[in-house]
Amino acid sequence: MKEKRPAIKQKHSIAQSLRQEWQLYLILVIPLCFVILFKYAPLTGLVLAFKDYKIARGFWGSDWVGFEVFREILAKPDFARAFRNTIMLNVLDLVFSFTMPIILALLLNEIKSIKFKRVNQTLLYLPHFLSWVIIGAIAYQLLGEGSGVVNNVFEAFGGNRVPFLQEDTHWLFSYLFIGVWHSMGWGTILYLAAISGINPELYEAAVVDGAGRLRKMWNITIPSIRFTIITLLIMNLGKVMEGSFERIFSLQNKATTEFTTTIPVLVYRWGIESGNFSRATALGLFQTVIGLAMVLMADRVAKKLGEDGIF
């Protein structure tokens, strides 16, 4: 009898909570329905990865082929190229776009002028709210080889025009630079929030011990936000197989084809342009499974090293 009392009490408390706060639960229904409708319901479409889908025969009427679609996409040359580019671009993006917000947060934390700090934060956050279509248009206006503002300035000072977006190697560096510019301000918010929770007495004790700014950064600030860094790193490792379709699609052109074929772009080409929905679904599922495996593996490694992880 003693073991059953907590369960009865819990049921009673849940029912009582529903009666007393039914308005809040009613509001919760809206985002819950959104998640179910747009996040879980589409998962039924994954069955296309195991079917020879024909629009005329319908979703369930198409022939079941098992893993034949996966064997087909793995044998295609475009897949190997897309896999290589996806890994390369996202690893490079992780190195630069992940570390820059940390460095920026550390620098902003050292600024004493509140007004100057707020102005800088606002300017750095703004790119995050621009769509990649707008950013792509701005990039071609500034970095275009024919009439770009930057190349016009180079030419005015006697320099040569640089094909920032019209040559593969230059496109790669421009792609990484634009990605850092777009994401570093927003990522800084999380680290500044973590830094604001550090006990000020730690800094005061460090000053008494004669520590300078760099020493306080290295011995106090970075170790104190280590959990936030590791958590975000684990979550970003899951995106190594994803990449941003909008980012590549808005910056690509016919002159740069070496690095612009990635898995998200290939899913678009196979699914939307070619109408091969089975192949596109299989590729998307492969991408998701690999991403999930990398997150779980990174979380396990973090726990082995004594960190908390995210699960």
C-alpha atoms as a PDB file:
ATOM      1  CA  MET A   1       0.000   0.000   0.000  1.00  0.00           C
ATOM      2  CA  LYS A   2       2.824   2.361   0.757  1.00  0.00           C
ATOM      3  CA  GLU A   3       4.246   1.953  -2.731  1.00  0.00           C
ATOM      4  CA  LYS A   4       0.927   2.856  -4.398  1.00  0.00           C
ATOM      5  CA  ARG A   5       0.308   6.098  -2.499  1.00  0.00           C
ATOM      6  CA  PRO A   6       2.802   8.261  -4.438  1.00  0.00           C
ATOM      7  CA  ALA A   7       1.265   7.114  -7.737  1.00  0.00           C
ATOM      8  CA  ILE A   8      -2.268   7.962  -6.560  1.00  0.00           C
ATOM      9  CA  LYS A   9      -1.063  11.285  -5.255  1.00  0.00           C
ATOM     10  CA  GLN A  10       0.722  12.015  -8.539  1.00  0.00           C
ATOM     11  CA  LYS A  11      -2.389  11.233 -10.571  1.00  0.00           C
ATOM     12  CA  HIS A  12      -4.422  13.447  -8.311  1.00  0.00           C
ATOM     13  CA  SER A  13      -1.918  16.308  -8.647  1.00  0.00           C
ATOM     14  CA  ILE A  14      -1.863  16.031 -12.454  1.00  0.00           C
ATOM     15  CA  ALA A  15      -5.669  16.062 -12.649  1.00  0.00           C
ATOM     16  CA  GLN A  16      -5.795  18.977 -10.261  1.00  0.00           C
ATOM     17  CA  SER A  17      -3.198  20.840 -12.307  1.00  0.00           C
ATOM     18  CA  LEU A  18      -5.222  20.279 -15.478  1.00  0.00           C
ATOM     19  CA  ARG A  19      -8.335  21.711 -13.840  1.00  0.00           C
ATOM     20  CA  GLN A  20      -6.579  24.724 -12.351  1.00  0.00           C
ATOM     21  CA  GLU A  21      -4.325  25.637 -15.291  1.00  0.00           C
ATOM     22  CA  TRP A  22      -6.315  24.398 -18.270  1.00  0.00           C
ATOM     23  CA  GLN A  23      -5.694  27.682 -20.125  1.00  0.00           C
ATOM     24  CA  LEU A  24      -1.943  27.045 -20.153  1.00  0.00           C
ATOM     25  CA  TYR A  25      -2.402  23.478 -21.363  1.00  0.00           C
ATOM     26  CA  LEU A  26      -4.756  24.739 -24.056  1.00  0.00           C
ATOM     27  CA  ILE A  27      -2.075  27.157 -25.279  1.00  0.00           C
ATOM     28  CA  LEU A  28       0.420  24.272 -25.234  1.00  0.00           C
ATOM     29  CA  VAL A  29      -1.764  22.380 -27.712  1.00  0.00           C
ATOM     30  CA  ILE A  30      -0.834  24.832 -30.506  1.00  0.00           C
ATOM     31  CA  PRO A  31       2.964  24.226 -30.555  1.00  0.00           C
ATOM     32  CA  LEU A  32       2.363  20.540 -29.798  1.00  0.00           C
ATOM     33  CA  CYS A  33       0.154  20.187 -32.878  1.00  0.00           C
ATOM     34  CA  PHE A  34       2.755  22.096 -34.899  1.00  0.00           C
ATOM     35  CA  VAL A  35       5.505  19.678 -33.870  1.00  0.00           C
ATOM     36  CA  ILE A  36       3.366  16.615 -34.549  1.00  0.00           C
ATOM     37  CA  LEU A  37       2.144  17.915 -37.904  1.00  0.00           C
ATOM     38  CA  PHE A  38       5.431  19.244 -39.317  1.00  0.00           C
ATOM     39  CA  LYS A  39       8.062  17.176 -37.466  1.00  0.00           C
ATOM     40  CA  TYR A  40       6.633  13.717 -36.823  1.00  0.00           C
ATOM     41  CA  ALA A  41       3.951  13.280 -39.481  1.00  0.00           C
ATOM     42  CA  PRO A  42       6.453  13.754 -42.369  1.00  0.00           C
ATOM     43  CA  LEU A  43       8.490  10.836 -40.993  1.00  0.00           C
ATOM     44  CA  THR A  44       5.988   8.507 -42.641  1.00  0.00           C
ATOM     45  CA  GLY A  45       7.430   9.698 -45.963  1.00  0.00           C
ATOM     46  CA  LEU A  46      10.706   7.933 -45.159  1.00  0.00           C
ATOM     47  CA  VAL A  47       9.124   4.778 -46.535  1.00  0.00           C
ATOM     48  CA  LEU A  48       9.837   6.226 -49.999  1.00  0.00           C
ATOM     49  CA  ALA A  49      13.514   5.412 -49.443  1.00  0.00           C
ATOM     50  CA  PHE A  50      12.592   1.721 -49.611  1.00  0.00           C
ATOM     51  CA  LYS A  51      10.176   1.931 -52.552  1.00  0.00           C
ATOM     52  CA  ASP A  52      10.370   2.465 -56.287  1.00  0.00           C
ATOM     53  CA  TYR A  53       8.032   5.423 -55.966  1.00  0.00           C
ATOM     54  CA  LYS A  54       5.801   6.229 -58.907  1.00  0.00           C
ATOM     55  CA  ILE A  55       3.429   9.174 -58.658  1.00  0.00           C
ATOM     56  CA  ALA A  56       0.781   7.372 -60.714  1.00  0.00           C
ATOM     57  CA  ARG A  57       0.806   4.352 -58.370  1.00  0.00           C
ATOM     58  CA  GLY A  58       0.701   6.437 -55.223  1.00  0.00           C
ATOM     59  CA  PHE A  59       2.454   6.394 -51.882  1.00  0.00           C
ATOM     60  CA  TRP A  60       1.516   2.875 -50.788  1.00  0.00           C
ATOM     61  CA  GLY A  61       0.968   1.362 -54.228  1.00  0.00           C
ATOM     62  CA  SER A  62       4.582   1.682 -55.377  1.00  0.00           C
ATOM     63  CA  ASP A  63       6.769  -1.434 -55.364  1.00  0.00           C
ATOM     64  CA  TRP A  64       8.830  -2.237 -52.292  1.00  0.00           C
ATOM     65  CA  VAL A  65      12.533  -2.562 -53.213  1.00  0.00           C
ATOM     66  CA  GLY A  66      14.204  -2.611 -49.791  1.00  0.00           C
ATOM     67  CA  PHE A  67      17.756  -1.222 -49.766  1.00  0.00           C
ATOM     68  CA  GLU A  68      18.094  -1.217 -53.544  1.00  0.00           C
ATOM     69  CA  VAL A  69      17.771   2.594 -53.671  1.00  0.00           C
ATOM     70  CA  PHE A  70      20.612   2.985 -51.149  1.00  0.00           C
ATOM     71  CA  ARG A  71      22.884   0.710 -53.198  1.00  0.00           C
ATOM     72  CA  GLU A  72      22.012   2.764 -56.265  1.00  0.00           C
ATOM     73  CA  ILE A  73      22.919   6.146 -54.766  1.00  0.00           C
ATOM     74  CA  LEU A  74      26.125   4.834 -53.169  1.00  0.00           C
ATOM     75  CA  ALA A  75      27.326   3.709 -56.612  1.00  0.00           C
ATOM     76  CA  LYS A  76      26.787   7.104 -58.247  1.00  0.00           C
ATOM     77  CA  PRO A  77      29.826   9.402 -58.793  1.00  0.00           C
ATOM     78  CA  ASP A  78      27.782  12.436 -57.755  1.00  0.00           C
ATOM     79  CA  PHE A  79      27.269  10.919 -54.306  1.00  0.00           C
ATOM     80  CA  ALA A  80      31.010  10.497 -53.652  1.00  0.00           C
ATOM     81  CA  ARG A  81      31.622  14.082 -54.733  1.00  0.00           C
ATOM     82  CA  ALA A  82      28.740  15.422 -52.656  1.00  0.00           C
ATOM     83  CA  PHE A  83      29.846  13.404 -49.622  1.00  0.00           C
ATOM     84  CA  ARG A  84      33.400  14.748 -49.885  1.00  0.00           C
ATOM     85  CA  ASN A  85      32.296  18.365 -50.319  1.00  0.00           C
ATOM     86  CA  THR A  86      29.756  18.158 -47.502  1.00  0.00           C
ATOM     87  CA  ILE A  87      32.325  16.841 -45.031  1.00  0.00           C
ATOM     88  CA  MET A  88      35.008  19.290 -46.143  1.00  0.00           C
ATOM     89  CA  LEU A  89      32.827  22.419 -46.131  1.00  0.00           C
ATOM     90  CA  ASN A  90      31.191  21.623 -42.814  1.00  0.00           C
ATOM     91  CA  VAL A  91      34.441  20.693 -41.050  1.00  0.00           C
ATOM     92  CA  LEU A  92      36.052  23.928 -42.236  1.00  0.00           C
ATOM     93  CA  ASP A  93      32.910  25.805 -41.270  1.00  0.00           C
ATOM     94  CA  LEU A  94      33.018  24.172 -37.835  1.00  0.00           C
ATOM     95  CA  VAL A  95      36.647  25.210 -37.329  1.00  0.00           C
ATOM     96  CA  PHE A  96      36.029  28.862 -38.171  1.00  0.00           C
ATOM     97  CA  SER A  97      32.356  29.543 -37.494  1.00  0.00           C
ATOM     98  CA  PHE A  98      32.413  27.678 -34.187  1.00  0.00           C
ATOM     99  CA  THR A  99      35.557  29.253 -32.757  1.00  0.00           C
ATOM    100  CA  MET A 100      34.924  32.856 -33.820  1.00  0.00           C
ATOM    101  CA  PRO A 101      31.860  33.389 -31.541  1.00  0.00           C
ATOM    102  CA  ILE A 102      33.939  32.202 -28.573  1.00  0.00           C
ATOM    103  CA  ILE A 103      36.750  34.631 -29.384  1.00  0.00           C
ATOM    104  CA  LEU A 104      34.270  37.446 -30.037  1.00  0.00           C
ATOM    105  CA  ALA A 105      32.458  36.800 -26.739  1.00  0.00           C
ATOM    106  CA  LEU A 106      35.745  36.893 -24.837  1.00  0.00           C
ATOM    107  CA  LEU A 107      36.680  40.208 -26.477  1.00  0.00           C
ATOM    108  CA  LEU A 108      33.268  41.794 -25.916  1.00  0.00           C
ATOM    109  CA  ASN A 109      33.368  40.720 -22.292  1.00  0.00           C
ATOM    110  CA  GLU A 110      36.529  42.774 -21.824  1.00  0.00           C
ATOM    111  CA  ILE A 111      34.948  45.981 -23.136  1.00  0.00           C
ATOM    112  CA  LYS A 112      34.092  48.291 -20.254  1.00  0.00           C
ATOM    113  CA  SER A 113      31.959  50.809 -22.160  1.00  0.00           C
ATOM    114  CA  ILE A 114      28.366  49.551 -22.036  1.00  0.00           C
ATOM    115  CA  LYS A 115      27.198  51.764 -24.922  1.00  0.00           C
ATOM    116  CA  PHE A 116      30.065  50.716 -27.182  1.00  0.00           C
ATOM    117  CA  LYS A 117      29.431  47.066 -26.345  1.00  0.00           C
ATOM    118  CA  ARG A 118      25.708  47.324 -27.133  1.00  0.00           C
ATOM    119  CA  VAL A 119      26.337  49.037 -30.467  1.00  0.00           C
ATOM    120  CA  ASN A 120      28.831  46.347 -31.460  1.00  0.00           C
ATOM    121  CA  GLN A 121      26.515  43.557 -30.383  1.00  0.00           C
ATOM    122  CA  THR A 122      23.636  45.010 -32.406  1.00  0.00           C
ATOM    123  CA  LEU A 123      25.768  45.369 -35.542  1.00  0.00           C
ATOM    124  CA  LEU A 124      27.129  41.846 -35.163  1.00  0.00           C
ATOM    125  CA  TYR A 125      23.688  40.281 -34.592  1.00  0.00           C
ATOM    126  CA  LEU A 126      22.033  41.875 -37.629  1.00  0.00           C
ATOM    127  CA  PRO A 127      23.393  39.478 -40.306  1.00  0.00           C
ATOM    128  CA  HIS A 128      21.701  36.561 -38.565  1.00  0.00           C
ATOM    129  CA  PHE A 129      18.277  38.004 -39.365  1.00  0.00           C
ATOM    130  CA  LEU A 130      19.005  38.306 -43.093  1.00  0.00           C
ATOM    131  CA  SER A 131      17.982  35.447 -45.365  1.00  0.00           C
ATOM    132  CA  TRP A 132      20.654  33.771 -47.475  1.00  0.00           C
ATOM    133  CA  VAL A 133      18.945  35.061 -50.614  1.00  0.00           C
ATOM    134  CA  ILE A 134      19.589  38.626 -49.469  1.00  0.00           C
ATOM    135  CA  ILE A 135      23.112  37.790 -48.315  1.00  0.00           C
ATOM    136  CA  GLY A 136      23.865  36.155 -51.671  1.00  0.00           C
ATOM    137  CA  ALA A 137      22.672  39.260 -53.521  1.00  0.00           C
ATOM    138  CA  ILE A 138      24.799  41.502 -51.275  1.00  0.00           C
ATOM    139  CA  ALA A 139      27.806  39.204 -51.754  1.00  0.00           C
ATOM    140  CA  TYR A 140      27.616  39.432 -55.551  1.00  0.00           C
ATOM    141  CA  GLN A 141      27.172  43.206 -55.384  1.00  0.00           C
ATOM    142  CA  LEU A 142      30.288  43.524 -53.214  1.00  0.00           C
ATOM    143  CA  LEU A 143      32.510  40.668 -54.407  1.00  0.00           C
ATOM    144  CA  GLY A 144      31.470  40.213 -58.038  1.00  0.00           C
ATOM    145  CA  GLU A 145      34.378  40.172 -60.472  1.00  0.00           C
ATOM    146  CA  GLY A 146      32.712  42.290 -63.129  1.00  0.00           C
ATOM    147  CA  SER A 147      31.128  45.144 -61.183  1.00  0.00           C
ATOM    148  CA  GLY A 148      31.664  44.303 -57.513  1.00  0.00           C
ATOM    149  CA  VAL A 149      32.361  47.224 -55.193  1.00  0.00           C
ATOM    150  CA  VAL A 150      35.455  45.595 -53.683  1.00  0.00           C
ATOM    151  CA  ASN A 151      36.988  44.892 -57.102  1.00  0.00           C
ATOM    152  CA  ASN A 152      36.184  48.422 -58.239  1.00  0.00           C
ATOM    153  CA  VAL A 153      38.167  49.722 -55.268  1.00  0.00           C
ATOM    154  CA  PHE A 154      41.052  47.351 -56.063  1.00  0.00           C
ATOM    155  CA  GLU A 155      41.090  48.552 -59.669  1.00  0.00           C
ATOM    156  CA  ALA A 156      40.924  52.212 -58.632  1.00  0.00           C
ATOM    157  CA  PHE A 157      44.102  51.742 -56.591  1.00  0.00           C
ATOM    158  CA  GLY A 158      45.875  49.972 -59.457  1.00  0.00           C
ATOM    159  CA  GLY A 159      45.254  46.400 -58.363  1.00  0.00           C
ATOM    160  CA  ASN A 160      43.860  43.446 -60.270  1.00  0.00           C
ATOM    161  CA  ARG A 161      40.327  42.180 -60.023  1.00  0.00           C
ATOM    162  CA  VAL A 162      39.912  39.096 -57.832  1.00  0.00           C
ATOM    163  CA  PRO A 163      37.344  36.394 -58.760  1.00  0.00           C
ATOM    164  CA  PHE A 164      36.015  36.012 -55.223  1.00  0.00           C
ATOM    165  CA  LEU A 165      32.886  34.164 -56.362  1.00  0.00           C
ATOM    166  CA  GLN A 166      33.860  33.171 -59.917  1.00  0.00           C
ATOM    167  CA  GLU A 167      36.723  30.742 -59.228  1.00  0.00           C
ATOM    168  CA  ASP A 168      36.576  27.596 -57.113  1.00  0.00           C
ATOM    169  CA  THR A 169      39.404  28.277 -54.627  1.00  0.00           C
ATOM    170  CA  HIS A 170      38.417  31.923 -54.119  1.00  0.00           C
ATOM    171  CA  TRP A 171      34.782  30.839 -53.821  1.00  0.00           C
ATOM    172  CA  LEU A 172      35.706  28.445 -51.010  1.00  0.00           C
ATOM    173  CA  PHE A 173      37.406  31.176 -48.961  1.00  0.00           C
ATOM    174  CA  SER A 174      34.562  33.609 -49.665  1.00  0.00           C
ATOM    175  CA  TYR A 175      32.035  30.959 -48.617  1.00  0.00           C
ATOM    176  CA  LEU A 176      33.790  30.446 -45.270  1.00  0.00           C
ATOM    177  CA  PHE A 177      34.235  34.184 -44.654  1.00  0.00           C
ATOM    178  CA  ILE A 178      30.576  34.962 -45.377  1.00  0.00           C
ATOM    179  CA  GLY A 179      29.499  32.095 -43.107  1.00  0.00           C
ATOM    180  CA  VAL A 180      31.596  33.413 -40.221  1.00  0.00           C
ATOM    181  CA  TRP A 181      30.236  36.935 -40.738  1.00  0.00           C
ATOM    182  CA  HIS A 182      26.662  35.631 -40.767  1.00  0.00           C
ATOM    183  CA  SER A 183      26.818  33.398 -37.674  1.00  0.00           C
ATOM    184  CA  MET A 184      29.413  34.778 -35.267  1.00  0.00           C
ATOM    185  CA  GLY A 185      27.239  37.545 -33.809  1.00  0.00           C
ATOM    186  CA  TRP A 186      24.326  35.268 -32.990  1.00  0.00           C
ATOM    187  CA  GLY A 187      26.543  32.550 -31.554  1.00  0.00           C
ATOM    188  CA  THR A 188      28.143  35.123 -29.287  1.00  0.00           C
ATOM    189  CA  ILE A 189      24.830  35.564 -27.420  1.00  0.00           C
ATOM    190  CA  LEU A 190      25.060  32.085 -25.893  1.00  0.00           C
ATOM    191  CA  TYR A 191      28.623  32.528 -24.726  1.00  0.00           C
ATOM    192  CA  LEU A 192      27.999  36.004 -23.302  1.00  0.00           C
ATOM    193  CA  ALA A 193      25.030  34.601 -21.393  1.00  0.00           C
ATOM    194  CA  ALA A 194      27.274  31.871 -19.978  1.00  0.00           C
ATOM    195  CA  ILE A 195      29.979  34.394 -19.118  1.00  0.00           C
ATOM    196  CA  SER A 196      27.461  36.595 -17.281  1.00  0.00           C
ATOM    197  CA  GLY A 197      26.825  33.714 -14.868  1.00  0.00           C
ATOM    198  CA  ILE A 198      30.442  33.545 -13.699  1.00  0.00           C
ATOM    199  CA  ASN A 199      30.970  34.580 -10.089  1.00  0.00           C
ATOM    200  CA  PRO A 200      32.676  38.050 -10.094  1.00  0.00           C
ATOM    201  CA  GLU A 201      34.597  37.069  -6.954  1.00  0.00           C
ATOM    202  CA  LEU A 202      36.706  34.744  -9.071  1.00  0.00           C
ATOM    203  CA  TYR A 203      37.952  37.692 -11.112  1.00  0.00           C
ATOM    204  CA  GLU A 204      38.547  39.747  -7.971  1.00  0.00           C
ATOM    205  CA  ALA A 205      40.611  36.947  -6.469  1.00  0.00           C
ATOM    206  CA  ALA A 206      42.587  36.669  -9.713  1.00  0.00           C
ATOM    207  CA  VAL A 207      43.329  40.409  -9.679  1.00  0.00           C
ATOM    208  CA  VAL A 208      44.605  40.112  -6.108  1.00  0.00           C
ATOM    209  CA  ASP A 209      46.902  37.327  -7.278  1.00  0.00           C
ATOM    210  CA  GLY A 210      48.241  39.604 -10.022  1.00  0.00           C
ATOM    211  CA  ALA A 211      46.516  38.029 -13.001  1.00  0.00           C
ATOM    212  CA  GLY A 212      46.105  40.116 -16.160  1.00  0.00           C
ATOM    213  CA  ARG A 213      43.282  40.021 -18.701  1.00  0.00           C
ATOM    214  CA  LEU A 214      44.680  37.159 -20.730  1.00  0.00           C
ATOM    215  CA  ARG A 215      45.366  35.091 -17.611  1.00  0.00           C
ATOM    216  CA  LYS A 216      41.818  35.680 -16.315  1.00  0.00           C
ATOM    217  CA  MET A 217      40.438  34.715 -19.721  1.00  0.00           C
ATOM    218  CA  TRP A 218      42.417  31.487 -19.835  1.00  0.00           C
ATOM    219  CA  ASN A 219      42.065  30.380 -16.203  1.00  0.00           C
ATOM    220  CA  ILE A 220      38.571  31.641 -15.311  1.00  0.00           C
ATOM    221  CA  THR A 221      36.372  32.573 -18.283  1.00  0.00           C
ATOM    222  CA  ILE A 222      37.104  29.679 -20.636  1.00  0.00           C
ATOM    223  CA  PRO A 223      36.907  26.920 -17.964  1.00  0.00           C
ATOM    224  CA  SER A 224      33.663  28.441 -16.658  1.00  0.00           C
ATOM    225  CA  ILE A 225      31.955  28.273 -20.073  1.00  0.00           C
ATOM    226  CA  ARG A 226      33.432  24.877 -20.942  1.00  0.00           C
ATOM    227  CA  PHE A 227      30.090  23.101 -20.540  1.00  0.00           C
ATOM    228  CA  THR A 228      28.423  25.501 -22.991  1.00  0.00           C
ATOM    229  CA  ILE A 229      31.264  25.067 -25.500  1.00  0.00           C
ATOM    230  CA  ILE A 230      31.138  21.263 -25.339  1.00  0.00           C
ATOM    231  CA  THR A 231      27.335  21.147 -25.593  1.00  0.00           C
ATOM    232  CA  LEU A 232      27.294  23.377 -28.672  1.00  0.00           C
ATOM    233  CA  LEU A 233      30.207  21.459 -30.184  1.00  0.00           C
ATOM    234  CA  ILE A 234      28.336  18.160 -29.836  1.00  0.00           C
ATOM    235  CA  MET A 235      25.221  19.670 -31.417  1.00  0.00           C
ATOM    236  CA  ASN A 236      27.246  21.169 -34.268  1.00  0.00           C
ATOM    237  CA  LEU A 237      28.954  17.855 -34.965  1.00  0.00           C
ATOM    238  CA  GLY A 238      25.535  16.511 -35.873  1.00  0.00           C
ATOM    239  CA  LYS A 239      25.368  19.109 -38.646  1.00  0.00           C
ATOM    240  CA  VAL A 240      28.621  18.020 -40.282  1.00  0.00           C
ATOM    241  CA  MET A 241      26.604  15.885 -42.691  1.00  0.00           C
ATOM    242  CA  GLU A 242      23.961  18.530 -43.281  1.00  0.00           C
ATOM    243  CA  GLY A 243      25.247  21.902 -44.382  1.00  0.00           C
ATOM    244  CA  SER A 244      23.104  24.801 -45.482  1.00  0.00           C
ATOM    245  CA  PHE A 245      21.310  24.336 -48.793  1.00  0.00           C
ATOM    246  CA  GLU A 246      20.232  28.000 -48.879  1.00  0.00           C
ATOM    247  CA  ARG A 247      23.780  29.208 -48.286  1.00  0.00           C
ATOM    248  CA  ILE A 248      25.317  27.201 -51.126  1.00  0.00           C
ATOM    249  CA  PHE A 249      22.404  27.718 -53.504  1.00  0.00           C
ATOM    250  CA  SER A 250      22.509  31.515 -53.083  1.00  0.00           C
ATOM    251  CA  LEU A 251      26.283  31.717 -53.619  1.00  0.00           C
ATOM    252  CA  GLN A 252      26.754  29.169 -56.417  1.00  0.00           C
ATOM    253  CA  ASN A 253      27.113  29.977 -60.110  1.00  0.00           C
ATOM    254  CA  LYS A 254      28.059  28.190 -63.321  1.00  0.00           C
ATOM    255  CA  ALA A 255      31.735  29.125 -62.990  1.00  0.00           C
ATOM    256  CA  THR A 256      32.150  27.417 -59.594  1.00  0.00           C
ATOM    257  CA  THR A 257      31.189  23.758 -59.634  1.00  0.00           C
ATOM    258  CA  GLU A 258      33.981  22.049 -57.679  1.00  0.00           C
ATOM    259  CA  PHE A 259      32.632  22.563 -54.152  1.00  0.00           C
ATOM    260  CA  THR A 260      28.977  23.454 -54.701  1.00  0.00           C
ATOM    261  CA  THR A 261      27.724  19.873 -55.063  1.00  0.00           C
ATOM    262  CA  THR A 262      26.817  18.811 -51.515  1.00  0.00           C
ATOM    263  CA  ILE A 263      24.307  16.353 -50.105  1.00  0.00           C
ATOM    264  CA  PRO A 264      21.520  18.945 -49.539  1.00  0.00           C
ATOM    265  CA  VAL A 265      22.027  20.264 -53.084  1.00  0.00           C
ATOM    266  CA  LEU A 266      21.986  16.702 -54.439  1.00  0.00           C
ATOM    267  CA  VAL A 267      18.733  15.996 -52.583  1.00  0.00           C
ATOM    268  CA  TYR A 268      17.236  19.072 -54.267  1.00  0.00           C
ATOM    269  CA  ARG A 269      18.488  18.066 -57.721  1.00  0.00           C
ATOM    270  CA  TRP A 270      17.308  14.464 -57.456  1.00  0.00           C
ATOM    271  CA  GLY A 271      14.030  15.220 -55.725  1.00  0.00           C
ATOM    272  CA  ILE A 272      12.752  18.570 -57.032  1.00  0.00           C
ATOM    273  CA  GLU A 273      14.505  18.918 -60.386  1.00  0.00           C
ATOM    274  CA  SER A 274      14.580  15.272 -61.501  1.00  0.00           C
ATOM    275  CA  GLY A 275      11.490  14.021 -59.676  1.00  0.00           C
ATOM    276  CA  ASN A 276      13.270  10.949 -58.282  1.00  0.00           C
ATOM    277  CA  PHE A 277      11.724  11.142 -54.822  1.00  0.00           C
ATOM    278  CA  SER A 278      12.871   7.684 -53.703  1.00  0.00           C
ATOM    279  CA  ARG A 279      16.509   8.516 -54.351  1.00  0.00           C
ATOM    280  CA  ALA A 280      16.245  11.937 -52.700  1.00  0.00           C
ATOM    281  CA  THR A 281      14.515  10.456 -49.633  1.00  0.00           C
ATOM    282  CA  ALA A 282      17.138   7.722 -49.301  1.00  0.00           C
ATOM    283  CA  LEU A 283      19.934  10.266 -49.491  1.00  0.00           C
ATOM    284  CA  GLY A 284      18.248  12.481 -46.906  1.00  0.00           C
ATOM    285  CA  LEU A 285      17.741   9.511 -44.577  1.00  0.00           C
ATOM    286  CA  PHE A 286      21.380   8.470 -44.988  1.00  0.00           C
ATOM    287  CA  GLN A 287      22.434  12.010 -44.114  1.00  0.00           C
ATOM    288  CA  THR A 288      20.231  12.117 -41.007  1.00  0.00           C
ATOM    289  CA  VAL A 289      21.361   8.728 -39.683  1.00  0.00           C
ATOM    290  CA  ILE A 290      25.045   9.636 -40.045  1.00  0.00           C
ATOM    291  CA  GLY A 291      24.413  12.979 -38.305  1.00  0.00           C
ATOM    292  CA  LEU A 292      22.636  11.269 -35.400  1.00  0.00           C
ATOM    293  CA  ALA A 293      25.437   8.726 -35.085  1.00  0.00           C
ATOM    294  CA  MET A 294      28.025  11.507 -34.908  1.00  0.00           C
ATOM    295  CA  VAL A 295      26.075  13.309 -32.163  1.00  0.00           C
ATOM    296  CA  LEU A 296      25.786  10.115 -30.104  1.00  0.00           C
ATOM    297  CA  MET A 297      29.467   9.309 -30.623  1.00  0.00           C
ATOM    298  CA  ALA A 298      30.565  12.839 -29.661  1.00  0.00           C
ATOM    299  CA  ASP A 299      28.358  12.720 -26.566  1.00  0.00           C
ATOM    300  CA  ARG A 300      29.884   9.397 -25.547  1.00  0.00           C
ATOM    301  CA  VAL A 301      33.432  10.711 -26.049  1.00  0.00           C
ATOM    302  CA  ALA A 302      32.606  13.799 -23.966  1.00  0.00           C
ATOM    303  CA  LYS A 303      31.360  11.600 -21.120  1.00  0.00           C
ATOM    304  CA  LYS A 304      34.486   9.439 -21.346  1.00  0.00           C
ATOM    305  CA  LEU A 305      36.544  12.611 -20.884  1.00  0.00           C
ATOM    306  CA  GLY A 306      34.593  13.491 -17.739  1.00  0.00           C
ATOM    307  CA  GLU A 307      32.127  15.976 -19.223  1.00  0.00           C
ATOM    308  CA  ASP A 308      28.356  15.884 -18.763  1.00  0.00           C
ATOM    309  CA  GLY A 309      27.361  15.580 -22.422  1.00  0.00           C
ATOM    310  CA  ILE A 310      23.819  16.333 -23.588  1.00  0.00           C
ATOM    311  CA  PHE A 311      22.051  12.993 -22.989  1.00  0.00           C
END
